[in-house]
Amino acid sequence: MANIASARKRARQSVRQNAQNSSQRSTLRTAIKSVRKAIGAGDKAAATQVMQQAQSVIDRISDKRIIHKNAASRYKSRLAAAIKAMA
């Protein structure tokens, strides 16, 4: 444990921030899974609708720098390509 007051405060803050970031990453993963599930079901209209919501989540988490902007772009691109490839 840290001995200096500022280091103790930093340790407290990092615990809270880690919990918040973990929650946000979980939300991201859930959004991506929901799009993949819709793609697997074969309903293109539903997949497109879910994709719009997922894009919002991905962009929001990217803006907070929880994931890198290029990773966010990659997720969106691959999901969009999967929806486009649906028959």
Protein backbone atom coordinates (compact mmCIF):
# COMPACT_ATOMS: atom_id res chain seq x y z
CA MET A 1 0.00 0.00 0.00
CA ALA A 2 1.15 3.51 -0.77
CA ASN A 3 2.48 5.69 2.04
CA ILE A 4 2.02 9.12 0.49
CA ALA A 5 -1.46 10.67 0.63
CA SER A 6 -1.56 11.48 -3.07
CA ALA A 7 -0.55 7.90 -3.92
CA ARG A 8 -3.27 6.52 -1.64
CA LYS A 9 -5.83 8.75 -3.35
CA ARG A 10 -4.59 7.62 -6.77
CA ALA A 11 -5.00 4.00 -5.70
CA ARG A 12 -8.58 4.69 -4.58
CA GLN A 13 -9.37 6.45 -7.83
CA SER A 14 -7.88 3.69 -9.95
CA VAL A 15 -10.12 1.11 -8.28
CA ARG A 16 -13.23 3.14 -9.13
CA GLN A 17 -12.05 3.88 -12.66
CA ASN A 18 -11.20 0.22 -13.27
CA ALA A 19 -14.71 -0.81 -12.20
CA GLN A 20 -16.30 1.80 -14.46
CA ASN A 21 -14.12 0.89 -17.44
CA SER A 22 -14.84 -2.82 -16.94
CA SER A 23 -18.56 -2.09 -16.96
CA GLN A 24 -18.23 -0.07 -20.17
CA ARG A 25 -16.21 -2.86 -21.86
CA SER A 26 -18.89 -5.34 -20.84
CA THR A 27 -21.55 -3.13 -22.43
CA LEU A 28 -19.45 -3.02 -25.60
CA ARG A 29 -19.10 -6.79 -25.75
CA THR A 30 -22.83 -7.25 -25.17
CA ALA A 31 -23.65 -4.84 -28.01
CA ILE A 32 -21.32 -6.68 -30.39
CA LYS A 33 -22.78 -10.05 -29.38
CA SER A 34 -26.31 -8.79 -29.98
CA VAL A 35 -25.41 -7.78 -33.53
CA ARG A 36 -23.75 -11.15 -34.19
CA LYS A 37 -26.80 -12.91 -32.79
CA ALA A 38 -29.09 -10.93 -35.12
CA ILE A 39 -26.83 -11.78 -38.06
CA GLY A 40 -26.94 -15.44 -37.09
CA ALA A 41 -30.74 -15.35 -36.97
CA GLY A 42 -30.74 -14.21 -40.60
CA ASP A 43 -32.99 -11.17 -40.19
CA LYS A 44 -31.26 -8.36 -42.05
CA ALA A 45 -33.70 -5.64 -40.96
CA ALA A 46 -33.31 -6.55 -37.29
CA ALA A 47 -29.54 -6.82 -37.67
CA THR A 48 -29.42 -3.34 -39.21
CA GLN A 49 -31.50 -1.94 -36.35
CA VAL A 50 -29.30 -3.56 -33.69
CA MET A 51 -26.20 -2.40 -35.57
CA GLN A 52 -27.26 1.24 -35.25
CA GLN A 53 -27.56 0.87 -31.49
CA ALA A 54 -24.24 -0.98 -31.31
CA GLN A 55 -22.50 1.75 -33.32
CA SER A 56 -23.67 4.28 -30.78
CA VAL A 57 -22.23 2.20 -27.93
CA ILE A 58 -18.96 1.58 -29.78
CA ASP A 59 -18.50 5.29 -30.59
CA ARG A 60 -19.32 6.36 -27.04
CA ILE A 61 -16.79 3.95 -25.53
CA SER A 62 -14.19 4.93 -28.10
CA ASP A 63 -14.67 8.62 -27.31
CA LYS A 64 -13.92 7.84 -23.66
CA ARG A 65 -10.72 6.09 -24.80
CA ILE A 66 -11.65 2.83 -23.16
CA ILE A 67 -10.87 1.19 -26.48
CA HIS A 68 -8.70 2.60 -29.23
CA LYS A 69 -10.45 4.48 -32.04
CA ASN A 70 -9.02 2.10 -34.64
CA ALA A 71 -10.36 -0.90 -32.71
CA ALA A 72 -13.78 0.76 -32.65
CA SER A 73 -13.59 1.37 -36.37
CA ARG A 74 -12.56 -2.24 -36.94
CA TYR A 75 -15.51 -3.58 -34.93
CA LYS A 76 -17.97 -1.41 -36.84
CA SER A 77 -16.46 -2.28 -40.20
CA ARG A 78 -16.52 -6.03 -39.64
CA LEU A 79 -20.07 -6.01 -38.33
CA ALA A 80 -21.25 -3.84 -41.23
CA ALA A 81 -19.54 -6.17 -43.71
CA ALA A 82 -21.22 -9.17 -42.10
CA ILE A 83 -24.63 -7.50 -42.40
CA LYS A 84 -23.95 -6.51 -45.99
CA ALA A 85 -22.99 -10.11 -46.85
CA MET A 86 -26.35 -11.42 -45.63
CA ALA A 87 -28.54 -12.81 -48.39
